Amino acid sequence: MHITCKIIYGYVLFIKITKELARLQQLASDNKLNSEDICSGTITLSNIGAIGGKFGSPLLNLPEVAIIAMGRIQKVPRFTDDGNVYPASLMTVSLAYLHS
């Protein structure tokens, strides 16, 4: 009985999260997000690459526990073991997090 309750609770929680995510996506699409909609998160993903940034020094916005800043993708030359050159995509990812 206890395991069944956990499964049902997990399913209900999953449905609530799915509905909230859909609501936030719709608000974002309509450009109607407000500060209450985006506060008290756990982790922030910041796409600084969208504005041409390559890397960053992300700062935590408490009570969040981590922030990840993703830079723009760059084409860079790389070499095979036999010396041939090939183009590779490179993206810098910066991470700040709380730890103990």
PDB file of N, CA and C in Angstrom:
ATOM      1  N   MET A   1       0.824  -1.196   0.000  1.00  0.00           N
ATOM      2  CA  MET A   1       0.000   0.000   0.000  1.00  0.00           C
ATOM      3  C   MET A   1       0.866   1.256   0.000  1.00  0.00           C
ATOM      4  N   HIS A   2       1.956   1.256   0.804  1.00  0.00           N
ATOM      5  CA  HIS A   2       2.824   2.425   0.898  1.00  0.00           C
ATOM      6  C   HIS A   2       3.489   2.732  -0.448  1.00  0.00           C
ATOM      7  N   ILE A   3       3.945   1.709  -1.155  1.00  0.00           N
ATOM      8  CA  ILE A   3       4.586   1.905  -2.463  1.00  0.00           C
ATOM      9  C   ILE A   3       3.571   2.447  -3.459  1.00  0.00           C
ATOM     10  N   THR A   4       2.358   1.941  -3.434  1.00  0.00           N
ATOM     11  CA  THR A   4       1.311   2.431  -4.333  1.00  0.00           C
ATOM     12  C   THR A   4       1.044   3.907  -4.091  1.00  0.00           C
ATOM     13  N   CYS A   5       1.002   4.331  -2.839  1.00  0.00           N
ATOM     14  CA  CYS A   5       0.782   5.743  -2.518  1.00  0.00           C
ATOM     15  C   CYS A   5       1.908   6.608  -3.070  1.00  0.00           C
ATOM     16  N   LYS A   6       3.164   6.126  -2.957  1.00  0.00           N
ATOM     17  CA  LYS A   6       4.302   6.869  -3.490  1.00  0.00           C
ATOM     18  C   LYS A   6       4.208   7.000  -5.003  1.00  0.00           C
ATOM     19  N   ILE A   7       3.820   5.923  -5.678  1.00  0.00           N
ATOM     20  CA  ILE A   7       3.700   5.958  -7.133  1.00  0.00           C
ATOM     21  C   ILE A   7       2.609   6.941  -7.546  1.00  0.00           C
ATOM     22  N   ILE A   8       1.467   6.892  -6.882  1.00  0.00           N
ATOM     23  CA  ILE A   8       0.365   7.803  -7.202  1.00  0.00           C
ATOM     24  C   ILE A   8       0.781   9.237  -6.922  1.00  0.00           C
ATOM     25  N   TYR A   9       1.423   9.478  -5.780  1.00  0.00           N
ATOM     26  CA  TYR A   9       1.885  10.828  -5.448  1.00  0.00           C
ATOM     27  C   TYR A   9       2.899  11.311  -6.491  1.00  0.00           C
ATOM     28  N   GLY A  10       3.818  10.431  -6.894  1.00  0.00           N
ATOM     29  CA  GLY A  10       4.811  10.791  -7.905  1.00  0.00           C
ATOM     30  C   GLY A  10       4.161  11.143  -9.228  1.00  0.00           C
ATOM     31  N   TYR A  11       3.136  10.384  -9.606  1.00  0.00           N
ATOM     32  CA  TYR A  11       2.420  10.663 -10.850  1.00  0.00           C
ATOM     33  C   TYR A  11       1.702  12.001 -10.765  1.00  0.00           C
ATOM     34  N   VAL A  12       1.024  12.255  -9.640  1.00  0.00           N
ATOM     35  CA  VAL A  12       0.311  13.522  -9.451  1.00  0.00           C
ATOM     36  C   VAL A  12       1.303  14.681  -9.479  1.00  0.00           C
ATOM     37  N   LEU A  13       2.442  14.520  -8.832  1.00  0.00           N
ATOM     38  CA  LEU A  13       3.464  15.559  -8.830  1.00  0.00           C
ATOM     39  C   LEU A  13       3.984  15.805 -10.243  1.00  0.00           C
ATOM     40  N   PHE A  14       4.211  14.744 -11.001  1.00  0.00           N
ATOM     41  CA  PHE A  14       4.670  14.866 -12.383  1.00  0.00           C
ATOM     42  C   PHE A  14       3.658  15.644 -13.220  1.00  0.00           C
ATOM     43  N   ILE A  15       2.377  15.360 -13.046  1.00  0.00           N
ATOM     44  CA  ILE A  15       1.319  16.066 -13.788  1.00  0.00           C
ATOM     45  C   ILE A  15       1.319  17.544 -13.419  1.00  0.00           C
ATOM     46  N   LYS A  16       1.477  17.864 -12.135  1.00  0.00           N
ATOM     47  CA  LYS A  16       1.511  19.268 -11.698  1.00  0.00           C
ATOM     48  C   LYS A  16       2.699  19.999 -12.304  1.00  0.00           C
ATOM     49  N   ILE A  17       3.858  19.365 -12.301  1.00  0.00           N
ATOM     50  CA  ILE A  17       5.055  19.979 -12.881  1.00  0.00           C
ATOM     51  C   ILE A  17       4.870  20.196 -14.375  1.00  0.00           C
ATOM     52  N   THR A  18       4.311  19.218 -15.058  1.00  0.00           N
ATOM     53  CA  THR A  18       4.055  19.329 -16.498  1.00  0.00           C
ATOM     54  C   THR A  18       3.115  20.488 -16.803  1.00  0.00           C
ATOM     55  N   LYS A  19       2.048  20.620 -16.036  1.00  0.00           N
ATOM     56  CA  LYS A  19       1.092  21.717 -16.252  1.00  0.00           C
ATOM     57  C   LYS A  19       1.735  23.075 -15.969  1.00  0.00           C
ATOM     58  N   GLU A  20       2.539  23.155 -14.908  1.00  0.00           N
ATOM     59  CA  GLU A  20       3.201  24.420 -14.583  1.00  0.00           C
ATOM     60  C   GLU A  20       4.217  24.787 -15.655  1.00  0.00           C
ATOM     61  N   LEU A  21       4.939  23.809 -16.162  1.00  0.00           N
ATOM     62  CA  LEU A  21       5.895  24.073 -17.234  1.00  0.00           C
ATOM     63  C   LEU A  21       5.182  24.583 -18.484  1.00  0.00           C
ATOM     64  N   ALA A  22       4.069  23.970 -18.839  1.00  0.00           N
ATOM     65  CA  ALA A  22       3.291  24.416 -20.000  1.00  0.00           C
ATOM     66  C   ALA A  22       2.782  25.839 -19.789  1.00  0.00           C
ATOM     67  N   ARG A  23       2.339  26.154 -18.574  1.00  0.00           N
ATOM     68  CA  ARG A  23       1.851  27.506 -18.266  1.00  0.00           C
ATOM     69  C   ARG A  23       2.976  28.533 -18.420  1.00  0.00           C
ATOM     70  N   LEU A  24       4.151  28.212 -17.881  1.00  0.00           N
ATOM     71  CA  LEU A  24       5.278  29.141 -17.976  1.00  0.00           C
ATOM     72  C   LEU A  24       5.752  29.307 -19.418  1.00  0.00           C
ATOM     73  N   GLN A  25       5.740  28.210 -20.183  1.00  0.00           N
ATOM     74  CA  GLN A  25       6.126  28.304 -21.598  1.00  0.00           C
ATOM     75  C   GLN A  25       5.172  29.202 -22.366  1.00  0.00           C
ATOM     76  N   GLN A  26       3.885  29.094 -22.084  1.00  0.00           N
ATOM     77  CA  GLN A  26       2.898  29.937 -22.759  1.00  0.00           C
ATOM     78  C   GLN A  26       3.086  31.407 -22.384  1.00  0.00           C
ATOM     79  N   LEU A  27       3.300  31.674 -21.099  1.00  0.00           N
ATOM     80  CA  LEU A  27       3.542  33.051 -20.665  1.00  0.00           C
ATOM     81  C   LEU A  27       4.796  33.620 -21.325  1.00  0.00           C
ATOM     82  N   ALA A  28       5.842  32.806 -21.410  1.00  0.00           N
ATOM     83  CA  ALA A  28       7.074  33.262 -22.052  1.00  0.00           C
ATOM     84  C   ALA A  28       6.845  33.534 -23.534  1.00  0.00           C
ATOM     85  N   SER A  29       6.104  32.668 -24.198  1.00  0.00           N
ATOM     86  CA  SER A  29       5.802  32.870 -25.624  1.00  0.00           C
ATOM     87  C   SER A  29       5.004  34.145 -25.850  1.00  0.00           C
ATOM     88  N   ASP A  30       4.121  34.456 -24.895  1.00  0.00           N
ATOM     89  CA  ASP A  30       3.289  35.658 -24.998  1.00  0.00           C
ATOM     90  C   ASP A  30       3.981  36.890 -24.420  1.00  0.00           C
ATOM     91  N   ASN A  31       5.243  36.732 -23.971  1.00  0.00           N
ATOM     92  CA  ASN A  31       6.012  37.825 -23.362  1.00  0.00           C
ATOM     93  C   ASN A  31       5.280  38.407 -22.147  1.00  0.00           C
ATOM     94  N   LYS A  32       4.720  37.529 -21.318  1.00  0.00           N
ATOM     95  CA  LYS A  32       3.933  37.961 -20.162  1.00  0.00           C
ATOM     96  C   LYS A  32       4.441  37.401 -18.836  1.00  0.00           C
ATOM     97  N   LEU A  33       5.685  36.925 -18.791  1.00  0.00           N
ATOM     98  CA  LEU A  33       6.240  36.442 -17.527  1.00  0.00           C
ATOM     99  C   LEU A  33       6.455  37.622 -16.587  1.00  0.00           C
ATOM    100  N   ASN A  34       6.172  37.415 -15.296  1.00  0.00           N
ATOM    101  CA  ASN A  34       6.483  38.459 -14.318  1.00  0.00           C
ATOM    102  C   ASN A  34       7.454  37.888 -13.296  1.00  0.00           C
ATOM    103  N   SER A  35       7.913  38.727 -12.384  1.00  0.00           N
ATOM    104  CA  SER A  35       8.949  38.296 -11.442  1.00  0.00           C
ATOM    105  C   SER A  35       8.500  37.138 -10.560  1.00  0.00           C
ATOM    106  N   GLU A  36       7.232  37.061 -10.210  1.00  0.00           N
ATOM    107  CA  GLU A  36       6.754  35.951  -9.386  1.00  0.00           C
ATOM    108  C   GLU A  36       6.828  34.616 -10.138  1.00  0.00           C
ATOM    109  N   ASP A  37       6.715  34.684 -11.457  1.00  0.00           N
ATOM    110  CA  ASP A  37       6.764  33.462 -12.261  1.00  0.00           C
ATOM    111  C   ASP A  37       8.170  32.879 -12.351  1.00  0.00           C
ATOM    112  N   ILE A  38       9.185  33.703 -12.185  1.00  0.00           N
ATOM    113  CA  ILE A  38      10.551  33.224 -12.411  1.00  0.00           C
ATOM    114  C   ILE A  38      11.442  33.296 -11.175  1.00  0.00           C
ATOM    115  N   CYS A  39      10.880  33.518  -9.997  1.00  0.00           N
ATOM    116  CA  CYS A  39      11.698  33.575  -8.789  1.00  0.00           C
ATOM    117  C   CYS A  39      11.651  32.242  -8.053  1.00  0.00           C
ATOM    118  N   SER A  40      12.517  32.085  -7.087  1.00  0.00           N
ATOM    119  CA  SER A  40      12.586  30.901  -6.220  1.00  0.00           C
ATOM    120  C   SER A  40      12.898  29.622  -6.985  1.00  0.00           C
ATOM    121  N   GLY A  41      13.739  29.735  -8.004  1.00  0.00           N
ATOM    122  CA  GLY A  41      14.151  28.554  -8.752  1.00  0.00           C
ATOM    123  C   GLY A  41      15.267  27.817  -8.033  1.00  0.00           C
ATOM    124  N   THR A  42      15.699  26.716  -8.602  1.00  0.00           N
ATOM    125  CA  THR A  42      16.783  25.932  -8.037  1.00  0.00           C
ATOM    126  C   THR A  42      18.060  26.107  -8.863  1.00  0.00           C
ATOM    127  N   ILE A  43      17.913  26.051 -10.189  1.00  0.00           N
ATOM    128  CA  ILE A  43      19.056  26.183 -11.101  1.00  0.00           C
ATOM    129  C   ILE A  43      18.655  27.114 -12.242  1.00  0.00           C
ATOM    130  N   THR A  44      19.560  27.983 -12.644  1.00  0.00           N
ATOM    131  CA  THR A  44      19.333  28.856 -13.790  1.00  0.00           C
ATOM    132  C   THR A  44      20.250  28.446 -14.930  1.00  0.00           C
ATOM    133  N   LEU A  45      19.700  28.373 -16.134  1.00  0.00           N
ATOM    134  CA  LEU A  45      20.489  28.192 -17.351  1.00  0.00           C
ATOM    135  C   LEU A  45      20.488  29.527 -18.068  1.00  0.00           C
ATOM    136  N   SER A  46      21.661  30.060 -18.355  1.00  0.00           N
ATOM    137  CA  SER A  46      21.782  31.353 -19.008  1.00  0.00           C
ATOM    138  C   SER A  46      22.491  31.172 -20.343  1.00  0.00           C
ATOM    139  N   ASN A  47      21.815  31.548 -21.415  1.00  0.00           N
ATOM    140  CA  ASN A  47      22.371  31.387 -22.753  1.00  0.00           C
ATOM    141  C   ASN A  47      23.028  32.690 -23.186  1.00  0.00           C
ATOM    142  N   ILE A  48      24.252  32.930 -22.704  1.00  0.00           N
ATOM    143  CA  ILE A  48      24.957  34.156 -23.082  1.00  0.00           C
ATOM    144  C   ILE A  48      25.441  34.087 -24.528  1.00  0.00           C
ATOM    145  N   GLY A  49      25.451  32.896 -25.092  1.00  0.00           N
ATOM    146  CA  GLY A  49      25.833  32.732 -26.490  1.00  0.00           C
ATOM    147  C   GLY A  49      24.846  33.386 -27.438  1.00  0.00           C
ATOM    148  N   ALA A  50      23.599  33.525 -27.010  1.00  0.00           N
ATOM    149  CA  ALA A  50      22.578  34.142 -27.863  1.00  0.00           C
ATOM    150  C   ALA A  50      22.898  35.602 -28.151  1.00  0.00           C
ATOM    151  N   ILE A  51      23.679  36.240 -27.280  1.00  0.00           N
ATOM    152  CA  ILE A  51      24.056  37.639 -27.504  1.00  0.00           C
ATOM    153  C   ILE A  51      25.527  37.751 -27.898  1.00  0.00           C
ATOM    154  N   GLY A  52      26.127  36.621 -28.276  1.00  0.00           N
ATOM    155  CA  GLY A  52      27.503  36.619 -28.766  1.00  0.00           C
ATOM    156  C   GLY A  52      28.557  36.356 -27.713  1.00  0.00           C
ATOM    157  N   GLY A  53      28.156  36.151 -26.443  1.00  0.00           N
ATOM    158  CA  GLY A  53      29.128  35.900 -25.386  1.00  0.00           C
ATOM    159  C   GLY A  53      29.792  34.546 -25.532  1.00  0.00           C
ATOM    160  N   LYS A  54      31.072  34.486 -25.199  1.00  0.00           N
ATOM    161  CA  LYS A  54      31.816  33.231 -25.290  1.00  0.00           C
ATOM    162  C   LYS A  54      31.889  32.529 -23.937  1.00  0.00           C
ATOM    163  N   PHE A  55      32.061  33.284 -22.868  1.00  0.00           N
ATOM    164  CA  PHE A  55      32.142  32.710 -21.531  1.00  0.00           C
ATOM    165  C   PHE A  55      31.685  33.766 -20.535  1.00  0.00           C
ATOM    166  N   GLY A  56      31.422  33.350 -19.316  1.00  0.00           N
ATOM    167  CA  GLY A  56      30.951  34.284 -18.310  1.00  0.00           C
ATOM    168  C   GLY A  56      31.415  33.886 -16.928  1.00  0.00           C
ATOM    169  N   SER A  57      31.087  34.733 -15.980  1.00  0.00           N
ATOM    170  CA  SER A  57      31.322  34.463 -14.565  1.00  0.00           C
ATOM    171  C   SER A  57      29.967  34.524 -13.880  1.00  0.00           C
ATOM    172  N   PRO A  58      29.206  33.426 -13.937  1.00  0.00           N
ATOM    173  CA  PRO A  58      27.850  33.463 -13.406  1.00  0.00           C
ATOM    174  C   PRO A  58      27.837  33.668 -11.889  1.00  0.00           C
ATOM    175  N   LEU A  59      26.890  34.470 -11.433  1.00  0.00           N
ATOM    176  CA  LEU A  59      26.716  34.732 -10.011  1.00  0.00           C
ATOM    177  C   LEU A  59      25.405  34.124  -9.552  1.00  0.00           C
ATOM    178  N   LEU A  60      25.438  33.482  -8.399  1.00  0.00           N
ATOM    179  CA  LEU A  60      24.232  32.863  -7.863  1.00  0.00           C
ATOM    180  C   LEU A  60      23.228  33.914  -7.419  1.00  0.00           C
ATOM    181  N   ASN A  61      21.981  33.606  -7.649  1.00  0.00           N
ATOM    182  CA  ASN A  61      20.873  34.418  -7.180  1.00  0.00           C
ATOM    183  C   ASN A  61      20.149  33.574  -6.127  1.00  0.00           C
ATOM    184  N   LEU A  62      20.562  33.725  -4.867  1.00  0.00           N
ATOM    185  CA  LEU A  62      19.987  32.907  -3.794  1.00  0.00           C
ATOM    186  C   LEU A  62      18.482  33.043  -3.757  1.00  0.00           C
ATOM    187  N   PRO A  63      17.738  31.993  -3.524  1.00  0.00           N
ATOM    188  CA  PRO A  63      18.097  30.711  -2.936  1.00  0.00           C
ATOM    189  C   PRO A  63      18.499  29.646  -3.958  1.00  0.00           C
ATOM    190  N   GLU A  64      18.811  30.028  -5.195  1.00  0.00           N
ATOM    191  CA  GLU A  64      19.237  29.043  -6.176  1.00  0.00           C
ATOM    192  C   GLU A  64      20.542  28.385  -5.729  1.00  0.00           C
ATOM    193  N   VAL A  65      20.753  27.151  -6.161  1.00  0.00           N
ATOM    194  CA  VAL A  65      21.959  26.424  -5.772  1.00  0.00           C
ATOM    195  C   VAL A  65      22.987  26.348  -6.889  1.00  0.00           C
ATOM    196  N   ALA A  66      22.602  26.723  -8.112  1.00  0.00           N
ATOM    197  CA  ALA A  66      23.554  26.674  -9.220  1.00  0.00           C
ATOM    198  C   ALA A  66      23.078  27.565 -10.362  1.00  0.00           C
ATOM    199  N   ILE A  67      24.048  28.023 -11.149  1.00  0.00           N
ATOM    200  CA  ILE A  67      23.752  28.736 -12.397  1.00  0.00           C
ATOM    201  C   ILE A  67      24.752  28.245 -13.436  1.00  0.00           C
ATOM    202  N   ILE A  68      24.241  27.995 -14.626  1.00  0.00           N
ATOM    203  CA  ILE A  68      25.060  27.513 -15.733  1.00  0.00           C
ATOM    204  C   ILE A  68      24.950  28.525 -16.865  1.00  0.00           C
ATOM    205  N   ALA A  69      26.096  29.049 -17.301  1.00  0.00           N
ATOM    206  CA  ALA A  69      26.132  29.995 -18.410  1.00  0.00           C
ATOM    207  C   ALA A  69      26.734  29.295 -19.625  1.00  0.00           C
ATOM    208  N   MET A  70      25.988  29.288 -20.726  1.00  0.00           N
ATOM    209  CA  MET A  70      26.443  28.629 -21.951  1.00  0.00           C
ATOM    210  C   MET A  70      26.855  29.690 -22.968  1.00  0.00           C
ATOM    211  N   GLY A  71      28.074  29.584 -23.464  1.00  0.00           N
ATOM    212  CA  GLY A  71      28.590  30.533 -24.442  1.00  0.00           C
ATOM    213  C   GLY A  71      28.181  30.158 -25.855  1.00  0.00           C
ATOM    214  N   ARG A  72      28.569  31.028 -26.800  1.00  0.00           N
ATOM    215  CA  ARG A  72      28.220  30.748 -28.198  1.00  0.00           C
ATOM    216  C   ARG A  72      29.073  29.623 -28.743  1.00  0.00           C
ATOM    217  N   ILE A  73      28.540  28.932 -29.721  1.00  0.00           N
ATOM    218  CA  ILE A  73      29.262  27.839 -30.363  1.00  0.00           C
ATOM    219  C   ILE A  73      30.197  28.434 -31.405  1.00  0.00           C
ATOM    220  N   GLN A  74      31.448  28.017 -31.351  1.00  0.00           N
ATOM    221  CA  GLN A  74      32.453  28.506 -32.286  1.00  0.00           C
ATOM    222  C   GLN A  74      33.028  27.336 -33.084  1.00  0.00           C
ATOM    223  N   LYS A  75      33.350  27.585 -34.330  1.00  0.00           N
ATOM    224  CA  LYS A  75      34.066  26.598 -35.144  1.00  0.00           C
ATOM    225  C   LYS A  75      35.561  26.830 -34.922  1.00  0.00           C
ATOM    226  N   VAL A  76      36.265  25.779 -34.533  1.00  0.00           N
ATOM    227  CA  VAL A  76      37.698  25.876 -34.277  1.00  0.00           C
ATOM    228  C   VAL A  76      38.413  24.722 -34.973  1.00  0.00           C
ATOM    229  N   PRO A  77      39.677  24.923 -35.346  1.00  0.00           N
ATOM    230  CA  PRO A  77      40.417  23.832 -35.983  1.00  0.00           C
ATOM    231  C   PRO A  77      40.885  22.821 -34.948  1.00  0.00           C
ATOM    232  N   ARG A  78      40.784  21.564 -35.282  1.00  0.00           N
ATOM    233  CA  ARG A  78      41.283  20.470 -34.449  1.00  0.00           C
ATOM    234  C   ARG A  78      42.086  19.533 -35.337  1.00  0.00           C
ATOM    235  N   PHE A  79      42.931  18.761 -34.712  1.00  0.00           N
ATOM    236  CA  PHE A  79      43.831  17.890 -35.463  1.00  0.00           C
ATOM    237  C   PHE A  79      43.588  16.429 -35.113  1.00  0.00           C
ATOM    238  N   THR A  80      43.607  15.591 -36.131  1.00  0.00           N
ATOM    239  CA  THR A  80      43.529  14.148 -35.913  1.00  0.00           C
ATOM    240  C   THR A  80      44.909  13.647 -35.488  1.00  0.00           C
ATOM    241  N   ASP A  81      44.983  12.405 -35.071  1.00  0.00           N
ATOM    242  CA  ASP A  81      46.264  11.828 -34.643  1.00  0.00           C
ATOM    243  C   ASP A  81      47.301  11.810 -35.761  1.00  0.00           C
ATOM    244  N   ASP A  82      46.825  11.749 -37.014  1.00  0.00           N
ATOM    245  CA  ASP A  82      47.775  11.734 -38.133  1.00  0.00           C
ATOM    246  C   ASP A  82      48.050  13.127 -38.700  1.00  0.00           C
ATOM    247  N   GLY A  83      47.590  14.203 -38.011  1.00  0.00           N
ATOM    248  CA  GLY A  83      47.931  15.563 -38.400  1.00  0.00           C
ATOM    249  C   GLY A  83      46.943  16.270 -39.305  1.00  0.00           C
ATOM    250  N   ASN A  84      45.870  15.609 -39.708  1.00  0.00           N
ATOM    251  CA  ASN A  84      44.878  16.271 -40.544  1.00  0.00           C
ATOM    252  C   ASN A  84      44.053  17.249 -39.711  1.00  0.00           C
ATOM    253  N   VAL A  85      43.642  18.343 -40.359  1.00  0.00           N
ATOM    254  CA  VAL A  85      42.848  19.377 -39.687  1.00  0.00           C
ATOM    255  C   VAL A  85      41.382  19.168 -40.036  1.00  0.00           C
ATOM    256  N   TYR A  86      40.514  19.349 -39.028  1.00  0.00           N
ATOM    257  CA  TYR A  86      39.069  19.274 -39.258  1.00  0.00           C
ATOM    258  C   TYR A  86      38.377  20.327 -38.396  1.00  0.00           C
ATOM    259  N   PRO A  87      37.217  20.822 -38.841  1.00  0.00           N
ATOM    260  CA  PRO A  87      36.501  21.823 -38.034  1.00  0.00           C
ATOM    261  C   PRO A  87      35.727  21.140 -36.899  1.00  0.00           C
ATOM    262  N   ALA A  88      35.776  21.738 -35.726  1.00  0.00           N
ATOM    263  CA  ALA A  88      35.037  21.214 -34.577  1.00  0.00           C
ATOM    264  C   ALA A  88      34.217  22.343 -33.965  1.00  0.00           C
ATOM    265  N   SER A  89      33.086  22.013 -33.405  1.00  0.00           N
ATOM    266  CA  SER A  89      32.252  22.990 -32.705  1.00  0.00           C
ATOM    267  C   SER A  89      32.647  22.989 -31.234  1.00  0.00           C
ATOM    268  N   LEU A  90      32.851  24.178 -30.690  1.00  0.00           N
ATOM    269  CA  LEU A  90      33.272  24.320 -29.299  1.00  0.00           C
ATOM    270  C   LEU A  90      32.367  25.319 -28.595  1.00  0.00           C
ATOM    271  N   MET A  91      31.885  24.941 -27.419  1.00  0.00           N
ATOM    272  CA  MET A  91      31.065  25.837 -26.611  1.00  0.00           C
ATOM    273  C   MET A  91      31.606  25.814 -25.187  1.00  0.00           C
ATOM    274  N   THR A  92      31.833  26.990 -24.617  1.00  0.00           N
ATOM    275  CA  THR A  92      32.286  27.088 -23.238  1.00  0.00           C
ATOM    276  C   THR A  92      31.078  27.098 -22.318  1.00  0.00           C
ATOM    277  N   VAL A  93      31.151  26.312 -21.251  1.00  0.00           N
ATOM    278  CA  VAL A  93      30.100  26.262 -20.249  1.00  0.00           C
ATOM    279  C   VAL A  93      30.708  26.659 -18.914  1.00  0.00           C
ATOM    280  N   SER A  94      30.124  27.688 -18.268  1.00  0.00           N
ATOM    281  CA  SER A  94      30.598  28.144 -16.963  1.00  0.00           C
ATOM    282  C   SER A  94      29.573  27.757 -15.911  1.00  0.00           C
ATOM    283  N   LEU A  95      30.051  27.324 -14.755  1.00  0.00           N
ATOM    284  CA  LEU A  95      29.174  26.851 -13.694  1.00  0.00           C
ATOM    285  C   LEU A  95      29.554  27.484 -12.365  1.00  0.00           C
ATOM    286  N   ALA A  96      28.561  27.962 -11.643  1.00  0.00           N
ATOM    287  CA  ALA A  96      28.750  28.402 -10.254  1.00  0.00           C
ATOM    288  C   ALA A  96      27.736  27.642  -9.428  1.00  0.00           C
ATOM    289  N   TYR A  97      28.147  27.160  -8.253  1.00  0.00           N
ATOM    290  CA  TYR A  97      27.229  26.377  -7.426  1.00  0.00           C
ATOM    291  C   TYR A  97      27.624  26.471  -5.957  1.00  0.00           C
ATOM    292  N   LEU A  98      26.651  26.203  -5.111  1.00  0.00           N
ATOM    293  CA  LEU A  98      26.901  26.116  -3.680  1.00  0.00           C
ATOM    294  C   LEU A  98      27.408  24.736  -3.348  1.00  0.00           C
ATOM    295  N   HIS A  99      28.369  24.657  -2.471  1.00  0.00           N
ATOM    296  CA  HIS A  99      28.866  23.360  -2.040  1.00  0.00           C
ATOM    297  C   HIS A  99      29.297  23.467  -0.582  1.00  0.00           C
ATOM    298  N   SER A 100      29.462  22.327   0.016  1.00  0.00           N
ATOM    299  CA  SER A 100      29.899  22.346   1.432  1.00  0.00           C
ATOM    300  C   SER A 100      31.072  21.415   1.640  1.00  0.00           C
TER     301      SER A 100
END
